[in-house]
Amino acid sequence: MLNYIDKIEGEKRMNELGSEGTPFLFIVDYKLNKILILSEEDVQKEGIRYELHPETTPSNVIDENYHFTIHPISYSSFQTAFNIVHSALKFGNSLLCNLTAATPIETNLSLEALYKMASAKYKLLIPNYFTCFSPETFITIDTNGILKSNPMKGTIDANLPNAESYLLDNKKELYEHHTIVDLIRNDVGIVAEKVWVSKFRYIEKIEKHDGNAILQMSSEICGQLSDDWKNKIGTILFQMLPAGSISGAPKKKTLEIIDAAEFHTYNGMDRGFYTGVFGYFDGSTVDSAVMIRFIENSNGKLYFKSGGGITFLSNAADEYQELIQKIYIPKS
């Protein structure tokens, strides 16, 4: 049985293990209420599976009767939530707000089968609970104490004419990306002695299970940590959570706006572990992901959780389509 701990105990435990140089897997929910700190023995016992930058290609061989059907929330429900966010943006209470929803899906594939077939930088499976296959790095820390964060903001259908140029030139996407880079620079600055942007607006192509593809835009922000960073891994992590790319700016006020808006997009559920983070400390380095591209089993029904960033330049119809566009199984 999984042993969840709270933020205070999680931070303390991670700091202790870091100072000892003891490897551990960490899984943190969006609200920072449920934290798992697991040894490799714990991982094996619980049947948890995870991969960070896997070197092998997953099996895309699936049953010929495989199906994957989505049932998006109604546009009117989404628009109600969008209007709450957009009103807050117009009043200046937020500059950028991430709005998400839970979409019911039907498939004859199990969570384990979905995990196996997905191709992603980061993969996680908690049996009978959820799986995620995320393209987004939260933070990495190397042996020299250099922390890197790679927020992902900006999505477009790769099949559109001049898709990459359109994504790079779009005013809404540019504003959104500048805002998130500024937020992450501030977050990194809380824990690091020196901060710099090493990559600004680079594009990655992600293939989807239906034969289509999307382009995603990211940046890389770096910071130099103090020499004793291993002694405070938990403190560093929790000072940067929730992740800026899945919340918004300013973070504290935007989290309140999200709570009000997502009442209309989750039908009694909440984000849970979706948009939280998971990662691994190997004794000398850290690698971690934001838990997006996420399928959850709730009372025997599967839900794909997805969303996107809203700015004052956004319109509800486009954001609704982006939410649906992100419902896919990534393939190699």
Protein backbone atom coordinates (compact mmCIF):
# COMPACT_ATOMS: atom_id res chain seq x y z
CA MET A 1 0.00 0.00 0.00
CA LEU A 2 1.33 3.43 -0.96
CA ASN A 3 2.52 5.50 1.99
CA TYR A 4 1.72 9.15 1.27
CA ILE A 5 3.38 11.85 3.35
CA ASP A 6 2.75 15.59 3.53
CA LYS A 7 4.90 18.46 2.28
CA ILE A 8 6.72 19.03 5.59
CA GLU A 9 7.68 15.37 5.97
CA GLY A 10 8.45 15.07 2.25
CA GLU A 11 10.86 17.99 2.29
CA LYS A 12 12.58 16.68 5.42
CA ARG A 13 12.91 13.14 4.03
CA MET A 14 14.29 14.31 0.68
CA ASN A 15 16.86 16.52 2.41
CA GLU A 16 17.98 13.61 4.60
CA LEU A 17 18.33 11.20 1.68
CA GLY A 18 20.09 13.83 -0.40
CA SER A 19 22.65 14.54 2.31
CA GLU A 20 23.30 10.78 2.58
CA GLY A 21 23.62 10.41 -1.19
CA THR A 22 20.86 7.77 -1.09
CA PRO A 23 18.91 7.36 -4.38
CA PHE A 24 15.13 7.80 -4.33
CA LEU A 25 12.11 8.30 -6.59
CA PHE A 26 9.80 11.18 -5.72
CA ILE A 27 6.20 11.74 -6.86
CA VAL A 28 4.41 14.95 -5.81
CA ASP A 29 0.80 15.91 -6.49
CA TYR A 30 -0.29 19.32 -7.82
CA LYS A 31 -1.50 20.65 -4.45
CA LEU A 32 1.61 19.35 -2.60
CA ASN A 33 -0.65 17.34 -0.29
CA LYS A 34 0.34 13.79 -1.30
CA ILE A 35 4.02 12.96 -1.65
CA LEU A 36 5.69 9.62 -2.30
CA ILE A 37 9.38 9.11 -1.51
CA LEU A 38 10.38 5.64 -2.67
CA SER A 39 13.50 3.50 -2.63
CA GLU A 40 14.12 1.13 -5.52
CA GLU A 41 12.90 -1.67 -3.25
CA ASP A 42 9.66 0.25 -2.60
CA VAL A 43 9.22 0.80 -6.34
CA GLN A 44 9.54 -2.91 -7.07
CA LYS A 45 7.21 -3.88 -4.22
CA GLU A 46 4.46 -1.51 -5.36
CA GLY A 47 4.80 -2.47 -9.03
CA ILE A 48 5.50 1.14 -9.99
CA ARG A 49 7.23 1.64 -13.33
CA TYR A 50 9.09 4.70 -14.53
CA GLU A 51 11.53 5.77 -17.22
CA LEU A 52 13.55 8.96 -17.59
CA HIS A 53 14.99 9.54 -21.07
CA PRO A 54 14.54 5.88 -22.07
CA GLU A 55 17.14 4.54 -24.48
CA THR A 56 14.93 1.81 -25.92
CA THR A 57 11.99 2.36 -28.26
CA PRO A 58 8.65 1.27 -26.78
CA SER A 59 6.57 -1.36 -28.47
CA ASN A 60 4.00 0.22 -30.77
CA VAL A 61 2.63 -3.21 -31.65
CA ILE A 62 -0.90 -3.25 -30.31
CA ASP A 63 -3.98 -5.38 -30.74
CA GLU A 64 -5.60 -4.76 -34.13
CA ASN A 65 -8.88 -4.21 -32.28
CA TYR A 66 -7.33 -1.36 -30.30
CA HIS A 67 -9.53 1.70 -29.97
CA PHE A 68 -9.16 5.07 -28.24
CA THR A 69 -12.23 7.31 -28.12
CA ILE A 70 -12.53 10.65 -26.35
CA HIS A 71 -15.62 12.39 -24.98
CA PRO A 72 -14.61 16.04 -24.46
CA ILE A 73 -16.40 18.19 -21.92
CA SER A 74 -19.01 20.44 -23.49
CA TYR A 75 -17.85 23.68 -25.04
CA SER A 76 -20.28 25.56 -22.79
CA SER A 77 -18.67 24.09 -19.64
CA PHE A 78 -15.23 24.98 -20.94
CA GLN A 79 -16.37 28.48 -21.89
CA THR A 80 -17.73 29.07 -18.37
CA ALA A 81 -14.32 28.18 -16.93
CA PHE A 82 -12.52 30.18 -19.62
CA ASN A 83 -14.62 33.27 -18.86
CA ILE A 84 -13.65 33.11 -15.17
CA VAL A 85 -9.98 33.02 -16.14
CA HIS A 86 -10.25 35.64 -18.87
CA SER A 87 -12.10 38.05 -16.58
CA ALA A 88 -9.33 37.72 -13.98
CA LEU A 89 -6.75 38.38 -16.69
CA LYS A 90 -8.57 41.50 -17.90
CA PHE A 91 -8.70 42.82 -14.33
CA GLY A 92 -4.95 42.30 -14.00
CA ASN A 93 -5.20 39.61 -11.32
CA SER A 94 -3.10 37.28 -13.47
CA LEU A 95 -0.84 37.56 -16.51
CA LEU A 96 -0.98 33.89 -17.47
CA CYS A 97 -3.26 31.14 -16.17
CA ASN A 98 -3.20 27.43 -16.99
CA LEU A 99 -6.70 26.00 -17.47
CA THR A 100 -7.17 22.22 -17.59
CA ALA A 101 -9.95 19.64 -17.77
CA ALA A 102 -10.63 15.93 -17.32
CA THR A 103 -11.82 14.26 -20.53
CA PRO A 104 -13.51 10.84 -20.31
CA ILE A 105 -11.92 8.32 -22.68
CA GLU A 106 -12.82 4.81 -23.79
CA THR A 107 -10.17 2.29 -24.75
CA ASN A 108 -9.64 -1.44 -24.58
CA LEU A 109 -6.04 -0.84 -23.51
CA SER A 110 -5.08 -1.05 -19.85
CA LEU A 111 -3.03 1.63 -18.11
CA GLU A 112 -0.05 -0.73 -18.33
CA ALA A 113 -0.56 -1.23 -22.08
CA LEU A 114 -0.83 2.54 -22.59
CA TYR A 115 2.36 3.01 -20.59
CA LYS A 116 4.19 0.41 -22.66
CA MET A 117 3.17 1.81 -26.05
CA ALA A 118 3.85 5.49 -25.26
CA SER A 119 7.09 7.10 -26.38
CA ALA A 120 8.15 10.02 -24.17
CA LYS A 121 11.08 11.61 -22.34
CA TYR A 122 9.46 10.71 -19.04
CA LYS A 123 7.04 7.88 -18.24
CA LEU A 124 5.40 6.82 -14.99
CA LEU A 125 2.87 4.13 -14.08
CA ILE A 126 1.21 3.60 -10.71
CA PRO A 127 -0.79 0.39 -11.25
CA ASN A 128 -4.57 0.80 -11.34
CA TYR A 129 -4.24 4.53 -10.59
CA PHE A 130 -2.58 6.55 -13.36
CA THR A 131 0.02 6.70 -16.07
CA CYS A 132 1.74 9.69 -17.62
CA PHE A 133 4.05 10.15 -20.58
CA SER A 134 5.45 13.63 -20.32
CA PRO A 135 7.59 15.59 -22.79
CA GLU A 136 8.32 18.34 -20.24
CA THR A 137 11.36 18.52 -17.96
CA PHE A 138 10.69 20.19 -14.61
CA ILE A 139 14.25 20.50 -13.29
CA THR A 140 17.55 18.71 -13.67
CA ILE A 141 20.58 19.19 -11.41
CA ASP A 142 23.99 18.01 -12.58
CA THR A 143 27.12 17.06 -10.62
CA ASN A 144 28.32 20.68 -10.74
CA GLY A 145 25.14 21.91 -9.06
CA ILE A 146 23.76 23.52 -12.21
CA LEU A 147 19.96 23.47 -12.15
CA LYS A 148 18.07 23.59 -15.44
CA SER A 149 14.33 24.08 -15.95
CA ASN A 150 12.59 23.63 -19.32
CA PRO A 151 9.08 25.12 -19.27
CA MET A 152 6.94 24.12 -22.26
CA LYS A 153 4.53 26.77 -23.53
CA GLY A 154 3.23 26.95 -27.09
CA THR A 155 1.51 24.24 -29.14
CA ILE A 156 0.45 23.95 -32.78
CA ASP A 157 -0.68 21.26 -35.21
CA ALA A 158 2.49 20.27 -37.08
CA ASN A 159 0.49 19.61 -40.27
CA LEU A 160 -0.57 23.25 -40.67
CA PRO A 161 1.25 25.21 -43.42
CA ASN A 162 4.35 26.97 -42.03
CA ALA A 163 3.43 25.71 -38.56
CA GLU A 164 6.79 26.45 -36.93
CA SER A 165 6.96 30.00 -38.29
CA TYR A 166 3.38 30.65 -37.22
CA LEU A 167 4.10 29.39 -33.70
CA LEU A 168 7.22 31.55 -33.39
CA ASP A 169 5.52 34.67 -34.83
CA ASN A 170 2.16 34.39 -33.04
CA LYS A 171 1.71 37.31 -30.61
CA LYS A 172 -0.34 35.34 -28.09
CA GLU A 173 2.22 32.51 -28.00
CA LEU A 174 5.12 34.99 -27.73
CA TYR A 175 3.48 36.83 -24.82
CA GLU A 176 2.68 33.55 -23.09
CA HIS A 177 6.21 32.26 -23.51
CA HIS A 178 7.88 35.48 -22.33
CA THR A 179 5.65 35.42 -19.24
CA ILE A 180 6.50 31.84 -18.32
CA VAL A 181 10.23 32.38 -18.87
CA ASP A 182 10.13 35.40 -16.53
CA LEU A 183 8.24 33.35 -13.93
CA ILE A 184 10.69 30.44 -14.09
CA ARG A 185 13.65 32.83 -13.91
CA ASN A 186 12.15 34.13 -10.67
CA ASP A 187 11.54 30.59 -9.36
CA VAL A 188 15.10 29.52 -10.17
CA GLY A 189 16.39 32.75 -8.62
CA ILE A 190 14.81 31.78 -5.29
CA VAL A 191 17.07 28.72 -5.00
CA ALA A 192 20.11 29.60 -7.13
CA GLU A 193 22.99 32.05 -6.75
CA LYS A 194 23.13 32.97 -10.44
CA VAL A 195 20.46 32.65 -13.17
CA TRP A 196 20.62 32.72 -16.97
CA VAL A 197 18.56 31.68 -20.01
CA SER A 198 20.57 29.21 -22.11
CA LYS A 199 17.92 28.46 -24.77
CA PHE A 200 14.97 30.64 -25.74
CA ARG A 201 11.99 29.27 -27.69
CA TYR A 202 13.22 26.02 -29.19
CA ILE A 203 10.80 23.73 -31.03
CA GLU A 204 10.24 19.98 -30.64
CA LYS A 205 8.01 17.73 -32.75
CA ILE A 206 5.89 15.10 -31.00
CA GLU A 207 4.26 12.29 -32.99
CA LYS A 208 0.76 11.18 -31.96
CA HIS A 209 -0.84 7.74 -31.97
CA ASP A 210 -3.35 8.80 -34.66
CA GLY A 211 -0.61 9.58 -37.20
CA ASN A 212 -0.67 13.33 -36.65
CA ALA A 213 1.92 15.45 -34.83
CA ILE A 214 2.23 18.65 -32.82
CA LEU A 215 5.01 21.18 -32.35
CA GLN A 216 5.83 22.28 -28.80
CA MET A 217 7.87 25.34 -27.81
CA SER A 218 10.17 25.41 -24.77
CA SER A 219 12.98 27.43 -23.22
CA GLU A 220 15.81 26.48 -20.86
CA ILE A 221 16.57 28.49 -17.74
CA CYS A 222 19.67 27.67 -15.67
CA GLY A 223 20.88 28.47 -12.17
CA GLN A 224 24.02 27.75 -10.15
CA LEU A 225 23.22 26.13 -6.80
CA SER A 226 25.41 26.28 -3.70
CA ASP A 227 27.87 23.43 -3.08
CA ASP A 228 25.65 21.91 -0.39
CA TRP A 229 22.58 21.55 -2.66
CA LYS A 230 22.21 17.81 -1.97
CA ASN A 231 21.47 18.60 1.68
CA LYS A 232 18.41 20.61 0.64
CA ILE A 233 16.98 18.82 -2.40
CA GLY A 234 13.51 18.84 -0.87
CA THR A 235 13.70 22.51 0.07
CA ILE A 236 14.80 23.44 -3.46
CA LEU A 237 12.02 21.38 -5.03
CA PHE A 238 9.17 22.65 -2.89
CA GLN A 239 10.25 26.28 -3.21
CA MET A 240 9.68 25.92 -6.96
CA LEU A 241 6.32 24.10 -6.80
CA PRO A 242 3.71 24.03 -8.19
CA ALA A 243 5.52 24.25 -11.53
CA GLY A 244 5.10 27.62 -13.20
CA SER A 245 4.22 26.18 -16.61
CA ILE A 246 1.06 24.51 -15.27
CA SER A 247 -0.04 27.29 -12.93
CA GLY A 248 0.77 30.81 -14.10
CA ALA A 249 1.90 34.24 -12.97
CA PRO A 250 1.77 35.65 -10.39
CA LYS A 251 1.63 32.16 -8.99
CA LYS A 252 -0.23 32.56 -5.68
CA LYS A 253 -3.17 34.55 -7.06
CA THR A 254 -3.34 32.46 -10.22
CA LEU A 255 -3.71 29.26 -8.18
CA GLU A 256 -6.86 30.76 -6.62
CA ILE A 257 -8.23 31.59 -10.08
CA ILE A 258 -7.53 28.03 -11.26
CA ASP A 259 -9.46 26.57 -8.32
CA ALA A 260 -12.51 28.70 -9.16
CA ALA A 261 -12.41 27.97 -12.90
CA GLU A 262 -11.66 24.25 -12.80
CA PHE A 263 -14.72 23.58 -10.67
CA HIS A 264 -16.49 23.63 -14.06
CA THR A 265 -14.08 21.32 -15.94
CA TYR A 266 -13.55 18.39 -13.56
CA ASN A 267 -17.08 17.18 -12.74
CA GLY A 268 -16.37 16.61 -9.06
CA MET A 269 -12.75 15.54 -9.60
CA ASP A 270 -9.61 17.65 -9.32
CA ARG A 271 -6.12 17.64 -10.81
CA GLY A 272 -4.76 15.20 -8.22
CA PHE A 273 -1.31 14.08 -9.36
CA TYR A 274 -1.83 15.61 -12.81
CA THR A 275 0.51 18.62 -13.24
CA GLY A 276 2.47 17.54 -10.18
CA VAL A 277 6.05 16.35 -10.66
CA PHE A 278 8.01 13.13 -10.45
CA GLY A 279 11.73 12.53 -10.61
CA TYR A 280 14.76 10.59 -9.47
CA PHE A 281 17.85 11.39 -7.40
CA ASP A 282 20.59 8.89 -8.25
CA GLY A 283 22.95 9.95 -5.47
CA SER A 284 24.68 12.67 -7.48
CA THR A 285 22.16 14.20 -9.94
CA VAL A 286 18.43 14.95 -10.22
CA ASP A 287 16.12 14.53 -13.21
CA SER A 288 12.40 15.30 -13.05
CA ALA A 289 9.28 15.93 -15.13
CA VAL A 290 6.03 17.84 -14.97
CA MET A 291 3.27 15.24 -15.04
CA ILE A 292 1.37 16.21 -18.17
CA ARG A 293 -0.08 13.87 -20.85
CA PHE A 294 -1.86 12.04 -18.07
CA ILE A 295 -4.48 9.27 -17.86
CA GLU A 296 -6.17 8.49 -14.55
CA ASN A 297 -8.42 5.67 -13.43
CA SER A 298 -11.21 7.08 -11.27
CA ASN A 299 -13.80 4.58 -10.04
CA GLY A 300 -13.15 2.29 -12.98
CA LYS A 301 -13.39 5.03 -15.62
CA LEU A 302 -10.45 6.54 -17.49
CA TYR A 303 -9.89 10.28 -17.82
CA PHE A 304 -7.28 12.07 -19.90
CA LYS A 305 -6.31 15.35 -18.23
CA SER A 306 -5.06 18.17 -20.45
CA GLY A 307 -5.07 21.94 -20.80
CA GLY A 308 -3.15 25.04 -21.80
CA GLY A 309 -2.09 28.55 -20.90
CA ILE A 310 -4.60 31.40 -21.12
CA THR A 311 -3.61 35.05 -21.64
CA PHE A 312 -5.69 38.18 -22.29
CA LEU A 313 -5.06 37.52 -26.02
CA SER A 314 -6.64 34.03 -25.86
CA ASN A 315 -10.06 33.06 -27.20
CA ALA A 316 -12.18 30.21 -25.88
CA ALA A 317 -12.59 28.34 -29.18
CA ASP A 318 -8.84 28.06 -29.81
CA GLU A 319 -8.10 27.02 -26.23
CA TYR A 320 -10.85 24.38 -26.34
CA GLN A 321 -9.28 22.91 -29.47
CA GLU A 322 -5.81 22.92 -27.87
CA LEU A 323 -7.17 21.03 -24.86
CA ILE A 324 -8.52 18.34 -27.21
CA GLN A 325 -5.39 18.41 -29.40
CA LYS A 326 -3.30 17.37 -26.41
CA ILE A 327 -5.28 14.17 -25.86
CA TYR A 328 -3.05 11.58 -27.50
CA ILE A 329 -0.58 8.76 -26.91
CA PRO A 330 2.89 9.87 -28.09
CA LYS A 331 4.65 7.44 -30.43
CA SER A 332 8.18 7.19 -31.74
